[in-house]
Amino acid sequence: MEVNLDLLNGFTEIIANVGFPIFISMFLLNRMEMKLDHIVDALTELTKVIADDQ
């Protein structure tokens, strides 16, 4: 498994500067935002399908 060293160095720098709890919070908020974007896309598609059926 090849690890992107720039990304890893960025993560360690953030952890060193702001602390582990803040890093984890930012990481989880980012993941939740991506999942919410997928939900919005799915609901938009569902709305279009329902409107086409009527």
PDB file of N, CA and C in Angstrom:
ATOM      1  N   MET A   1       0.848  -1.177   0.000  1.00  0.00           N
ATOM      2  CA  MET A   1       0.000   0.000   0.000  1.00  0.00           C
ATOM      3  C   MET A   1       0.887   1.232   0.000  1.00  0.00           C
ATOM      4  N   GLU A   2       0.745   2.054  -1.014  1.00  0.00           N
ATOM      5  CA  GLU A   2       1.549   3.265  -1.131  1.00  0.00           C
ATOM      6  C   GLU A   2       0.839   4.419  -0.431  1.00  0.00           C
ATOM      7  N   VAL A   3       1.549   5.084   0.447  1.00  0.00           N
ATOM      8  CA  VAL A   3       0.980   6.183   1.217  1.00  0.00           C
ATOM      9  C   VAL A   3       1.506   7.494   0.647  1.00  0.00           C
ATOM     10  N   ASN A   4       0.613   8.438   0.454  1.00  0.00           N
ATOM     11  CA  ASN A   4       1.005   9.754  -0.014  1.00  0.00           C
ATOM     12  C   ASN A   4       1.699  10.468   1.141  1.00  0.00           C
ATOM     13  N   LEU A   5       3.013  10.653   1.042  1.00  0.00           N
ATOM     14  CA  LEU A   5       3.787  11.221   2.152  1.00  0.00           C
ATOM     15  C   LEU A   5       3.441  12.674   2.412  1.00  0.00           C
ATOM     16  N   ASP A   6       3.102  13.437   1.380  1.00  0.00           N
ATOM     17  CA  ASP A   6       2.715  14.830   1.593  1.00  0.00           C
ATOM     18  C   ASP A   6       1.443  14.913   2.424  1.00  0.00           C
ATOM     19  N   LEU A   7       0.484  14.040   2.121  1.00  0.00           N
ATOM     20  CA  LEU A   7      -0.762  14.007   2.868  1.00  0.00           C
ATOM     21  C   LEU A   7      -0.511  13.591   4.311  1.00  0.00           C
ATOM     22  N   LEU A   8       0.306  12.583   4.493  1.00  0.00           N
ATOM     23  CA  LEU A   8       0.633  12.115   5.836  1.00  0.00           C
ATOM     24  C   LEU A   8       1.362  13.189   6.636  1.00  0.00           C
ATOM     25  N   ASN A   9       2.302  13.893   5.997  1.00  0.00           N
ATOM     26  CA  ASN A   9       3.002  14.977   6.675  1.00  0.00           C
ATOM     27  C   ASN A   9       2.046  16.103   7.043  1.00  0.00           C
ATOM     28  N   GLY A  10       1.084  16.376   6.180  1.00  0.00           N
ATOM     29  CA  GLY A  10       0.076  17.396   6.477  1.00  0.00           C
ATOM     30  C   GLY A  10      -0.763  17.025   7.681  1.00  0.00           C
ATOM     31  N   PHE A  11      -1.172  15.742   7.742  1.00  0.00           N
ATOM     32  CA  PHE A  11      -1.952  15.276   8.889  1.00  0.00           C
ATOM     33  C   PHE A  11      -1.166  15.399  10.187  1.00  0.00           C
ATOM     34  N   THR A  12       0.089  14.982  10.162  1.00  0.00           N
ATOM     35  CA  THR A  12       0.884  15.052  11.393  1.00  0.00           C
ATOM     36  C   THR A  12       1.134  16.497  11.802  1.00  0.00           C
ATOM     37  N   GLU A  13       1.274  17.393  10.830  1.00  0.00           N
ATOM     38  CA  GLU A  13       1.465  18.807  11.163  1.00  0.00           C
ATOM     39  C   GLU A  13       0.213  19.391  11.804  1.00  0.00           C
ATOM     40  N   ILE A  14      -0.949  19.034  11.269  1.00  0.00           N
ATOM     41  CA  ILE A  14      -2.207  19.514  11.858  1.00  0.00           C
ATOM     42  C   ILE A  14      -2.371  18.981  13.271  1.00  0.00           C
ATOM     43  N   ILE A  15      -2.094  17.711  13.464  1.00  0.00           N
ATOM     44  CA  ILE A  15      -2.215  17.116  14.799  1.00  0.00           C
ATOM     45  C   ILE A  15      -1.275  17.800  15.772  1.00  0.00           C
ATOM     46  N   ALA A  16      -0.058  18.089  15.338  1.00  0.00           N
ATOM     47  CA  ALA A  16       0.918  18.738  16.214  1.00  0.00           C
ATOM     48  C   ALA A  16       0.507  20.168  16.553  1.00  0.00           C
ATOM     49  N   ASN A  17      -0.101  20.862  15.592  1.00  0.00           N
ATOM     50  CA  ASN A  17      -0.439  22.265  15.811  1.00  0.00           C
ATOM     51  C   ASN A  17      -1.743  22.477  16.575  1.00  0.00           C
ATOM     52  N   VAL A  18      -2.769  21.759  16.256  1.00  0.00           N
ATOM     53  CA  VAL A  18      -4.083  22.024  16.850  1.00  0.00           C
ATOM     54  C   VAL A  18      -4.550  20.940  17.805  1.00  0.00           C
ATOM     55  N   GLY A  19      -3.907  19.838  17.807  1.00  0.00           N
ATOM     56  CA  GLY A  19      -4.290  18.778  18.730  1.00  0.00           C
ATOM     57  C   GLY A  19      -5.126  17.702  18.078  1.00  0.00           C
ATOM     58  N   PHE A  20      -5.055  16.544  18.672  1.00  0.00           N
ATOM     59  CA  PHE A  20      -5.731  15.374  18.143  1.00  0.00           C
ATOM     60  C   PHE A  20      -7.255  15.508  18.130  1.00  0.00           C
ATOM     61  N   PRO A  21      -7.891  15.983  19.216  1.00  0.00           N
ATOM     62  CA  PRO A  21      -9.368  16.068  19.189  1.00  0.00           C
ATOM     63  C   PRO A  21      -9.898  17.000  18.096  1.00  0.00           C
ATOM     64  N   ILE A  22      -9.215  18.101  17.865  1.00  0.00           N
ATOM     65  CA  ILE A  22      -9.671  19.023  16.832  1.00  0.00           C
ATOM     66  C   ILE A  22      -9.482  18.396  15.458  1.00  0.00           C
ATOM     67  N   PHE A  23      -8.387  17.698  15.256  1.00  0.00           N
ATOM     68  CA  PHE A  23      -8.152  17.014  13.977  1.00  0.00           C
ATOM     69  C   PHE A  23      -9.236  15.983  13.710  1.00  0.00           C
ATOM     70  N   ILE A  24      -9.559  15.167  14.705  1.00  0.00           N
ATOM     71  CA  ILE A  24     -10.595  14.139  14.551  1.00  0.00           C
ATOM     72  C   ILE A  24     -11.939  14.788  14.262  1.00  0.00           C
ATOM     73  N   SER A  25     -12.256  15.885  14.950  1.00  0.00           N
ATOM     74  CA  SER A  25     -13.518  16.583  14.711  1.00  0.00           C
ATOM     75  C   SER A  25     -13.594  17.085  13.281  1.00  0.00           C
ATOM     76  N   MET A  26     -12.515  17.683  12.789  1.00  0.00           N
ATOM     77  CA  MET A  26     -12.499  18.175  11.412  1.00  0.00           C
ATOM     78  C   MET A  26     -12.653  17.022  10.420  1.00  0.00           C
ATOM     79  N   PHE A  27     -11.972  15.909  10.688  1.00  0.00           N
ATOM     80  CA  PHE A  27     -12.048  14.745   9.811  1.00  0.00           C
ATOM     81  C   PHE A  27     -13.467  14.197   9.743  1.00  0.00           C
ATOM     82  N   LEU A  28     -14.109  14.046  10.910  1.00  0.00           N
ATOM     83  CA  LEU A  28     -15.459  13.494  10.945  1.00  0.00           C
ATOM     84  C   LEU A  28     -16.477  14.446  10.320  1.00  0.00           C
ATOM     85  N   LEU A  29     -16.311  15.752  10.540  1.00  0.00           N
ATOM     86  CA  LEU A  29     -17.218  16.712   9.914  1.00  0.00           C
ATOM     87  C   LEU A  29     -17.090  16.676   8.395  1.00  0.00           C
ATOM     88  N   ASN A  30     -15.893  16.506   7.909  1.00  0.00           N
ATOM     89  CA  ASN A  30     -15.685  16.416   6.458  1.00  0.00           C
ATOM     90  C   ASN A  30     -16.361  15.166   5.892  1.00  0.00           C
ATOM     91  N   ARG A  31     -16.213  14.048   6.578  1.00  0.00           N
ATOM     92  CA  ARG A  31     -16.862  12.815   6.123  1.00  0.00           C
ATOM     93  C   ARG A  31     -18.378  12.957   6.132  1.00  0.00           C
ATOM     94  N   MET A  32     -18.911  13.584   7.183  1.00  0.00           N
ATOM     95  CA  MET A  32     -20.359  13.750   7.282  1.00  0.00           C
ATOM     96  C   MET A  32     -20.861  14.668   6.162  1.00  0.00           C
ATOM     97  N   GLU A  33     -20.101  15.704   5.843  1.00  0.00           N
ATOM     98  CA  GLU A  33     -20.493  16.609   4.771  1.00  0.00           C
ATOM     99  C   GLU A  33     -20.566  15.870   3.438  1.00  0.00           C
ATOM    100  N   MET A  34     -19.590  15.014   3.174  1.00  0.00           N
ATOM    101  CA  MET A  34     -19.604  14.255   1.920  1.00  0.00           C
ATOM    102  C   MET A  34     -20.816  13.329   1.865  1.00  0.00           C
ATOM    103  N   LYS A  35     -21.145  12.695   2.976  1.00  0.00           N
ATOM    104  CA  LYS A  35     -22.297  11.792   2.998  1.00  0.00           C
ATOM    105  C   LYS A  35     -23.595  12.573   2.801  1.00  0.00           C
ATOM    106  N   LEU A  36     -23.688  13.760   3.398  1.00  0.00           N
ATOM    107  CA  LEU A  36     -24.882  14.579   3.212  1.00  0.00           C
ATOM    108  C   LEU A  36     -25.016  15.039   1.766  1.00  0.00           C
ATOM    109  N   ASP A  37     -23.910  15.321   1.111  1.00  0.00           N
ATOM    110  CA  ASP A  37     -23.951  15.683  -0.307  1.00  0.00           C
ATOM    111  C   ASP A  37     -24.516  14.535  -1.138  1.00  0.00           C
ATOM    112  N   HIS A  38     -24.133  13.309  -0.814  1.00  0.00           N
ATOM    113  CA  HIS A  38     -24.660  12.137  -1.531  1.00  0.00           C
ATOM    114  C   HIS A  38     -26.154  11.986  -1.285  1.00  0.00           C
ATOM    115  N   ILE A  39     -26.599  12.248  -0.073  1.00  0.00           N
ATOM    116  CA  ILE A  39     -28.026  12.149   0.250  1.00  0.00           C
ATOM    117  C   ILE A  39     -28.818  13.197  -0.522  1.00  0.00           C
ATOM    118  N   VAL A  40     -28.297  14.414  -0.587  1.00  0.00           N
ATOM    119  CA  VAL A  40     -28.970  15.475  -1.338  1.00  0.00           C
ATOM    120  C   VAL A  40     -29.062  15.104  -2.813  1.00  0.00           C
ATOM    121  N   ASP A  41     -27.993  14.561  -3.369  1.00  0.00           N
ATOM    122  CA  ASP A  41     -28.013  14.135  -4.772  1.00  0.00           C
ATOM    123  C   ASP A  41     -29.053  13.042  -4.994  1.00  0.00           C
ATOM    124  N   ALA A  42     -29.123  12.088  -4.077  1.00  0.00           N
ATOM    125  CA  ALA A  42     -30.096  11.000  -4.209  1.00  0.00           C
ATOM    126  C   ALA A  42     -31.526  11.525  -4.108  1.00  0.00           C
ATOM    127  N   LEU A  43     -31.771  12.455  -3.212  1.00  0.00           N
ATOM    128  CA  LEU A  43     -33.113  13.023  -3.083  1.00  0.00           C
ATOM    129  C   LEU A  43     -33.496  13.845  -4.309  1.00  0.00           C
ATOM    130  N   THR A  44     -32.537  14.542  -4.877  1.00  0.00           N
ATOM    131  CA  THR A  44     -32.802  15.303  -6.102  1.00  0.00           C
ATOM    132  C   THR A  44     -33.170  14.358  -7.249  1.00  0.00           C
ATOM    133  N   GLU A  45     -32.425  13.280  -7.364  1.00  0.00           N
ATOM    134  CA  GLU A  45     -32.716  12.286  -8.408  1.00  0.00           C
ATOM    135  C   GLU A  45     -34.079  11.640  -8.172  1.00  0.00           C
ATOM    136  N   LEU A  46     -34.410  11.325  -6.923  1.00  0.00           N
ATOM    137  CA  LEU A  46     -35.697  10.740  -6.601  1.00  0.00           C
ATOM    138  C   LEU A  46     -36.835  11.686  -6.943  1.00  0.00           C
ATOM    139  N   THR A  47     -36.645  12.967  -6.655  1.00  0.00           N
ATOM    140  CA  THR A  47     -37.663  13.967  -6.989  1.00  0.00           C
ATOM    141  C   THR A  47     -37.902  14.019  -8.491  1.00  0.00           C
ATOM    142  N   LYS A  48     -36.833  13.940  -9.280  1.00  0.00           N
ATOM    143  CA  LYS A  48     -36.969  13.954 -10.740  1.00  0.00           C
ATOM    144  C   LYS A  48     -37.704  12.720 -11.226  1.00  0.00           C
ATOM    145  N   VAL A  49     -37.397  11.552 -10.670  1.00  0.00           N
ATOM    146  CA  VAL A  49     -38.051  10.310 -11.085  1.00  0.00           C
ATOM    147  C   VAL A  49     -39.533  10.346 -10.745  1.00  0.00           C
ATOM    148  N   ILE A  50     -39.868  10.847  -9.554  1.00  0.00           N
ATOM    149  CA  ILE A  50     -41.264  10.927  -9.161  1.00  0.00           C
ATOM    150  C   ILE A  50     -42.013  11.922 -10.055  1.00  0.00           C
ATOM    151  N   ALA A  51     -41.384  13.041 -10.378  1.00  0.00           N
ATOM    152  CA  ALA A  51     -42.038  14.048 -11.226  1.00  0.00           C
ATOM    153  C   ALA A  51     -42.241  13.503 -12.640  1.00  0.00           C
ATOM    154  N   ASP A  52     -41.336  12.694 -13.142  1.00  0.00           N
ATOM    155  CA  ASP A  52     -41.469  12.126 -14.492  1.00  0.00           C
ATOM    156  C   ASP A  52     -42.597  11.083 -14.557  1.00  0.00           C
ATOM    157  N   ASP A  53     -42.862  10.398 -13.449  1.00  0.00           N
ATOM    158  CA  ASP A  53     -43.893   9.374 -13.440  1.00  0.00           C
ATOM    159  C   ASP A  53     -45.304   9.957 -13.414  1.00  0.00           C
ATOM    160  N   GLN A  54     -45.442  11.169 -13.022  1.00  0.00           N
ATOM    161  CA  GLN A  54     -46.788  11.748 -12.889  1.00  0.00           C
ATOM    162  C   GLN A  54     -47.238  12.396 -14.117  1.00  0.00           C
TER     163      GLN A  54
END
